[in-house]
C-alpha atoms as a PDB file:
ATOM      1  CA  MET A   1     262.412  77.239 142.684  1.00  0.00           C
ATOM      2  CA  MET A   2     258.981  75.532 142.509  1.00  0.00           C
ATOM      3  CA  MET A   3     255.891  77.105 144.072  1.00  0.00           C
ATOM      4  CA  SER A   4     253.867  74.910 146.320  1.00  0.00           C
ATOM      5  CA  GLU A   5     250.323  73.975 145.327  1.00  0.00           C
ATOM      6  CA  ILE A   6     248.857  76.203 148.061  1.00  0.00           C
ATOM      7  CA  ALA A   7     250.781  79.229 146.804  1.00  0.00           C
ATOM      8  CA  LYS A   8     249.574  78.571 143.242  1.00  0.00           C
ATOM      9  CA  ASP A   9     245.977  78.309 144.444  1.00  0.00           C
ATOM     10  CA  ARG A  10     246.268  81.584 146.374  1.00  0.00           C
ATOM     11  CA  MET A  11     247.788  83.345 143.373  1.00  0.00           C
ATOM     12  CA  ALA A  12     245.090  82.016 141.037  1.00  0.00           C
ATOM     13  CA  HIS A  13     242.399  83.086 143.521  1.00  0.00           C
ATOM     14  CA  SER A  14     243.820  86.619 143.832  1.00  0.00           C
ATOM     15  CA  VAL A  15     244.133  86.941 140.041  1.00  0.00           C
ATOM     16  CA  ARG A  16     240.532  85.729 139.637  1.00  0.00           C
ATOM     17  CA  LYS A  17     239.295  88.269 142.199  1.00  0.00           C
ATOM     18  CA  ARG A  18     241.295  91.102 140.626  1.00  0.00           C
ATOM     19  CA  GLY A  19     239.746  90.491 137.231  1.00  0.00           C
ATOM     20  CA  SER A  20     242.738  90.818 134.884  1.00  0.00           C
ATOM     21  CA  VAL A  21     245.639  88.681 133.747  1.00  0.00           C
ATOM     22  CA  SER A  22     248.791  89.920 132.103  1.00  0.00           C
ATOM     23  CA  SER A  23     250.327  87.726 129.431  1.00  0.00           C
ATOM     24  CA  LEU A  24     253.823  88.942 130.329  1.00  0.00           C
ATOM     25  CA  SER A  25     256.023  86.834 132.541  1.00  0.00           C
ATOM     26  CA  GLY A  26     257.378  88.342 135.748  1.00  0.00           C
ATOM     27  CA  ARG A  27     260.788  89.133 134.160  1.00  0.00           C
ATOM     28  CA  GLU A  28     259.273  90.704 131.032  1.00  0.00           C
ATOM     29  CA  PHE A  29     256.920  92.762 133.195  1.00  0.00           C
ATOM     30  CA  ARG A  30     259.831  94.121 135.266  1.00  0.00           C
ATOM     31  CA  GLN A  31     261.759  94.938 132.073  1.00  0.00           C
ATOM     32  CA  LYS A  32     258.766  96.807 130.728  1.00  0.00           C
ATOM     33  CA  GLU A  33     258.489  98.805 133.952  1.00  0.00           C
ATOM     34  CA  LEU A  34     262.197  99.676 133.930  1.00  0.00           C
ATOM     35  CA  HIS A  35     262.779 100.380 130.220  1.00  0.00           C
ATOM     36  CA  GLY A  36     259.323 101.405 129.040  1.00  0.00           C
ATOM     37  CA  ASN A  37     257.880  99.396 126.151  1.00  0.00           C
ATOM     38  CA  THR A  38     259.501  96.084 125.342  1.00  0.00           C
ATOM     39  CA  LYS A  39     259.976  94.688 121.865  1.00  0.00           C
ATOM     40  CA  ASN A  40     257.505  91.860 122.434  1.00  0.00           C
ATOM     41  CA  SER A  41     254.829  93.686 124.431  1.00  0.00           C
ATOM     42  CA  ARG A  42     251.620  91.808 125.098  1.00  0.00           C
ATOM     43  CA  SER A  43     248.162  92.927 126.065  1.00  0.00           C
ATOM     44  CA  THR A  44     246.218  92.562 129.281  1.00  0.00           C
ATOM     45  CA  VAL A  45     242.934  90.651 129.207  1.00  0.00           C
ATOM     46  CA  SER A  46     240.103  91.556 131.608  1.00  0.00           C
ATOM     47  CA  TYR A  47     237.359  89.134 132.526  1.00  0.00           C
ATOM     48  CA  THR A  48     234.783  88.411 135.161  1.00  0.00           C
ATOM     49  CA  ASP A  49     235.146  85.696 137.749  1.00  0.00           C
ATOM     50  CA  GLU A  50     232.603  83.333 136.188  1.00  0.00           C
ATOM     51  CA  PRO A  51     231.345  84.471 132.758  1.00  0.00           C
ATOM     52  CA  SER A  52     228.352  82.126 132.758  1.00  0.00           C
ATOM     53  CA  GLN A  53     227.167  83.472 136.132  1.00  0.00           C
ATOM     54  CA  ARG A  54     227.513  87.077 135.010  1.00  0.00           C
ATOM     55  CA  ASP A  55     224.545  86.732 132.668  1.00  0.00           C
ATOM     56  CA  ASN A  56     222.407  85.083 135.348  1.00  0.00           C
ATOM     57  CA  ALA A  57     223.419  87.611 138.006  1.00  0.00           C
ATOM     58  CA  SER A  58     221.976  90.516 136.013  1.00  0.00           C
ATOM     59  CA  HIS A  59     218.543  88.856 136.090  1.00  0.00           C
ATOM     60  CA  LEU A  60     218.537  87.982 139.796  1.00  0.00           C
ATOM     61  CA  THR A  61     216.709  90.186 142.262  1.00  0.00           C
ATOM     62  CA  ALA A  62     218.023  91.007 145.691  1.00  0.00           C
ATOM     63  CA  GLN A  63     216.103  89.257 148.422  1.00  0.00           C
ATOM     64  CA  MET A  64     215.727  91.135 151.659  1.00  0.00           C
ATOM     65  CA  GLU A  65     215.583  89.270 154.919  1.00  0.00           C
ATOM     66  CA  ASN A  66     212.818  89.852 157.444  1.00  0.00           C
ATOM     67  CA  THR A  67     213.572  92.446 160.100  1.00  0.00           C
ATOM     68  CA  TYR A  68     210.944  91.131 162.511  1.00  0.00           C
ATOM     69  CA  GLN A  69     210.275  94.733 163.478  1.00  0.00           C
ATOM     70  CA  LEU A  70     206.662  94.816 164.618  1.00  0.00           C
ATOM     71  CA  GLY A  71     206.346  98.508 165.411  1.00  0.00           C
ATOM     72  CA  PRO A  72     207.662 101.776 164.052  1.00  0.00           C
ATOM     73  CA  THR A  73     210.978 103.143 165.293  1.00  0.00           C
ATOM     74  CA  LYS A  74     209.788 106.660 164.453  1.00  0.00           C
ATOM     75  CA  HIS A  75     206.100 107.496 164.802  1.00  0.00           C
ATOM     76  CA  PHE A  76     204.190 109.503 162.224  1.00  0.00           C
ATOM     77  CA  PRO A  77     204.408 113.242 163.078  1.00  0.00           C
ATOM     78  CA  ALA A  78     200.729 114.198 162.882  1.00  0.00           C
ATOM     79  CA  ALA A  79     201.326 117.764 164.116  1.00  0.00           C
ATOM     80  CA  ILE A  80     203.893 118.495 161.391  1.00  0.00           C
ATOM     81  CA  VAL A  81     201.597 117.004 158.753  1.00  0.00           C
ATOM     82  CA  ASN A  82     198.744 119.221 160.016  1.00  0.00           C
ATOM     83  CA  HIS A  83     200.954 122.261 159.383  1.00  0.00           C
ATOM     84  CA  ILE A  84     201.749 120.986 155.876  1.00  0.00           C
ATOM     85  CA  LEU A  85     198.029 120.534 155.145  1.00  0.00           C
ATOM     86  CA  LYS A  86     197.214 124.016 156.417  1.00  0.00           C
ATOM     87  CA  ASP A  87     200.012 125.663 154.420  1.00  0.00           C
ATOM     88  CA  VAL A  88     199.249 123.859 151.147  1.00  0.00           C
ATOM     89  CA  LEU A  89     195.487 124.425 151.295  1.00  0.00           C
ATOM     90  CA  THR A  90     195.911 128.075 152.242  1.00  0.00           C
ATOM     91  CA  ASN A  91     198.501 128.770 149.537  1.00  0.00           C
ATOM     92  CA  TYR A  92     196.520 127.091 146.751  1.00  0.00           C
ATOM     93  CA  LEU A  93     192.964 128.117 147.664  1.00  0.00           C
ATOM     94  CA  GLN A  94     193.171 131.471 149.497  1.00  0.00           C
ATOM     95  CA  GLY A  95     191.897 133.680 146.673  1.00  0.00           C
ATOM     96  CA  GLU A  96     190.082 131.084 144.549  1.00  0.00           C
ATOM     97  CA  GLN A  97     186.385 131.072 143.667  1.00  0.00           C
ATOM     98  CA  TYR A  98     184.498 127.793 143.319  1.00  0.00           C
ATOM     99  CA  GLU A  99     184.455 126.540 139.727  1.00  0.00           C
ATOM    100  CA  PRO A 100     183.772 122.807 139.274  1.00  0.00           C
ATOM    101  CA  GLU A 101     186.387 122.156 136.573  1.00  0.00           C
ATOM    102  CA  LEU A 102     189.098 124.183 138.316  1.00  0.00           C
ATOM    103  CA  CYS A 103     188.398 122.503 141.650  1.00  0.00           C
ATOM    104  CA  ARG A 104     188.556 119.055 140.067  1.00  0.00           C
ATOM    105  CA  GLN A 105     192.059 119.804 138.775  1.00  0.00           C
ATOM    106  CA  MET A 106     193.063 121.473 142.057  1.00  0.00           C
ATOM    107  CA  THR A 107     192.180 118.353 144.078  1.00  0.00           C
ATOM    108  CA  LYS A 108     194.656 116.326 142.012  1.00  0.00           C
ATOM    109  CA  THR A 109     197.370 118.977 142.217  1.00  0.00           C
ATOM    110  CA  ILE A 110     196.934 119.617 145.938  1.00  0.00           C
ATOM    111  CA  SER A 111     196.942 115.906 146.809  1.00  0.00           C
ATOM    112  CA  GLU A 112     200.207 115.379 144.864  1.00  0.00           C
ATOM    113  CA  VAL A 113     201.836 118.392 146.552  1.00  0.00           C
ATOM    114  CA  ILE A 114     200.780 117.161 149.993  1.00  0.00           C
ATOM    115  CA  LYS A 115     201.993 113.633 149.290  1.00  0.00           C
ATOM    116  CA  THR A 116     205.374 114.942 148.074  1.00  0.00           C
ATOM    117  CA  GLN A 117     205.862 117.165 151.120  1.00  0.00           C
ATOM    118  CA  VAL A 118     204.902 114.406 153.561  1.00  0.00           C
ATOM    119  CA  LYS A 119     207.231 111.949 151.789  1.00  0.00           C
ATOM    120  CA  ASP A 120     210.037 114.517 152.151  1.00  0.00           C
ATOM    121  CA  LEU A 121     209.759 114.007 155.924  1.00  0.00           C
ATOM    122  CA  MET A 122     211.205 110.531 155.219  1.00  0.00           C
ATOM    123  CA  ILE A 123     209.207 108.584 157.762  1.00  0.00           C
ATOM    124  CA  PRO A 124     210.243 104.947 157.264  1.00  0.00           C
ATOM    125  CA  ARG A 125     207.808 102.117 156.548  1.00  0.00           C
ATOM    126  CA  TYR A 126     204.604 104.170 156.350  1.00  0.00           C
ATOM    127  CA  LYS A 127     202.229 103.929 153.404  1.00  0.00           C
ATOM    128  CA  LEU A 128     200.478 107.206 152.697  1.00  0.00           C
ATOM    129  CA  ILE A 129     196.977 107.858 151.384  1.00  0.00           C
ATOM    130  CA  VAL A 130     196.099 111.467 150.578  1.00  0.00           C
ATOM    131  CA  ILE A 131     192.485 112.475 149.900  1.00  0.00           C
ATOM    132  CA  VAL A 132     191.334 116.017 149.082  1.00  0.00           C
ATOM    133  CA  HIS A 133     187.691 117.129 148.826  1.00  0.00           C
ATOM    134  CA  ILE A 134     186.740 120.571 147.489  1.00  0.00           C
ATOM    135  CA  GLY A 135     183.157 121.796 147.384  1.00  0.00           C
ATOM    136  CA  GLN A 136     181.075 124.918 147.010  1.00  0.00           C
ATOM    137  CA  LEU A 137     180.262 126.786 150.202  1.00  0.00           C
ATOM    138  CA  ASN A 138     176.599 127.677 149.710  1.00  0.00           C
ATOM    139  CA  SER A 139     174.685 127.199 152.973  1.00  0.00           C
ATOM    140  CA  GLN A 140     174.522 123.437 152.625  1.00  0.00           C
ATOM    141  CA  SER A 141     175.721 120.568 154.733  1.00  0.00           C
ATOM    142  CA  ILE A 142     178.016 117.713 153.860  1.00  0.00           C
ATOM    143  CA  LEU A 143     179.177 114.686 155.795  1.00  0.00           C
ATOM    144  CA  ILE A 144     182.382 112.941 154.743  1.00  0.00           C
ATOM    145  CA  GLY A 145     183.169 109.632 156.375  1.00  0.00           C
ATOM    146  CA  SER A 146     185.946 107.117 156.008  1.00  0.00           C
ATOM    147  CA  ARG A 147     186.567 103.688 157.446  1.00  0.00           C
ATOM    148  CA  CYS A 148     189.882 101.892 157.664  1.00  0.00           C
ATOM    149  CA  LEU A 149     191.136  98.699 159.171  1.00  0.00           C
ATOM    150  CA  TRP A 150     194.312  99.457 161.081  1.00  0.00           C
ATOM    151  CA  ASP A 151     196.388  99.134 164.211  1.00  0.00           C
ATOM    152  CA  PRO A 152     195.694 102.112 166.513  1.00  0.00           C
ATOM    153  CA  LYS A 153     199.169 101.823 168.081  1.00  0.00           C
ATOM    154  CA  SER A 154     201.030 102.599 164.849  1.00  0.00           C
ATOM    155  CA  ASP A 155     198.527 103.835 162.219  1.00  0.00           C
ATOM    156  CA  THR A 156     197.201 107.382 162.286  1.00  0.00           C
ATOM    157  CA  PHE A 157     195.840 110.235 160.199  1.00  0.00           C
ATOM    158  CA  SER A 158     195.899 114.010 159.897  1.00  0.00           C
ATOM    159  CA  SER A 159     193.244 116.254 158.412  1.00  0.00           C
ATOM    160  CA  TYR A 160     192.593 119.937 157.939  1.00  0.00           C
ATOM    161  CA  VAL A 161     189.511 121.882 156.797  1.00  0.00           C
ATOM    162  CA  PHE A 162     189.939 125.121 154.832  1.00  0.00           C
ATOM    163  CA  ARG A 163     187.174 127.631 154.096  1.00  0.00           C
ATOM    164  CA  ASN A 164     187.011 130.883 152.210  1.00  0.00           C
ATOM    165  CA  SER A 165     183.987 132.890 151.006  1.00  0.00           C
ATOM    166  CA  SER A 166     183.307 130.606 148.038  1.00  0.00           C
ATOM    167  CA  LEU A 167     184.539 127.077 148.806  1.00  0.00           C
ATOM    168  CA  PHE A 168     185.612 124.588 151.406  1.00  0.00           C
ATOM    169  CA  ALA A 169     188.351 121.966 151.243  1.00  0.00           C
ATOM    170  CA  LEU A 170     189.072 118.945 153.385  1.00  0.00           C
ATOM    171  CA  ALA A 171     192.483 117.286 153.096  1.00  0.00           C
ATOM    172  CA  SER A 172     193.241 114.012 154.875  1.00  0.00           C
ATOM    173  CA  VAL A 173     196.461 112.020 155.100  1.00  0.00           C
ATOM    174  CA  TYR A 174     196.253 108.431 156.303  1.00  0.00           C
ATOM    175  CA  ALA A 175     199.514 106.874 157.466  1.00  0.00           C
ATOM    176  CA  ILE A 176     199.467 103.068 157.665  1.00  0.00           C
ATOM    177  CA  TYR A 177     202.505 101.326 159.095  1.00  0.00           C
ATOM    178  CA  PHE A 178     203.884  98.654 156.751  1.00  0.00           C
ATOM    179  CA  GLU A 179     205.346  95.711 158.689  1.00  0.00           C
END
């Protein structure tokens, strides 16, 4: 009985998708299943659908389509971030005395800890900027200003000021929505 051309094409397509071809005929394959190994056993060859495209596919990057989402689905939780800032600054600086070299290292450590904890909130599509200032508390005044260009509907910030007997610290987190 002859297979029609359509049936052959379907079989070839399913074999190509599956990725392996057995060199045994249908009868030999059934014999092997029934009686175990046959005298003239043959191997199975595995391959990819198009070998030349396999090499090119590993170098291609996935292109994402535009979502056309102009605003955040979940707004930045400024109150929760304020609690994170308070907890981190209090835990790291509660009993510390002002020493310039120690405070320089602490600003880096504290900003990384804050950034990690805020990222753990998993707020989608927000870019974060964390800035920490630590200075000596010695009857002086300081003004810290920042300017940003942003959309007031979606972009926001949180900040917290910590003081003990020897030092002060200001931590700020800027959350800019990435369209």
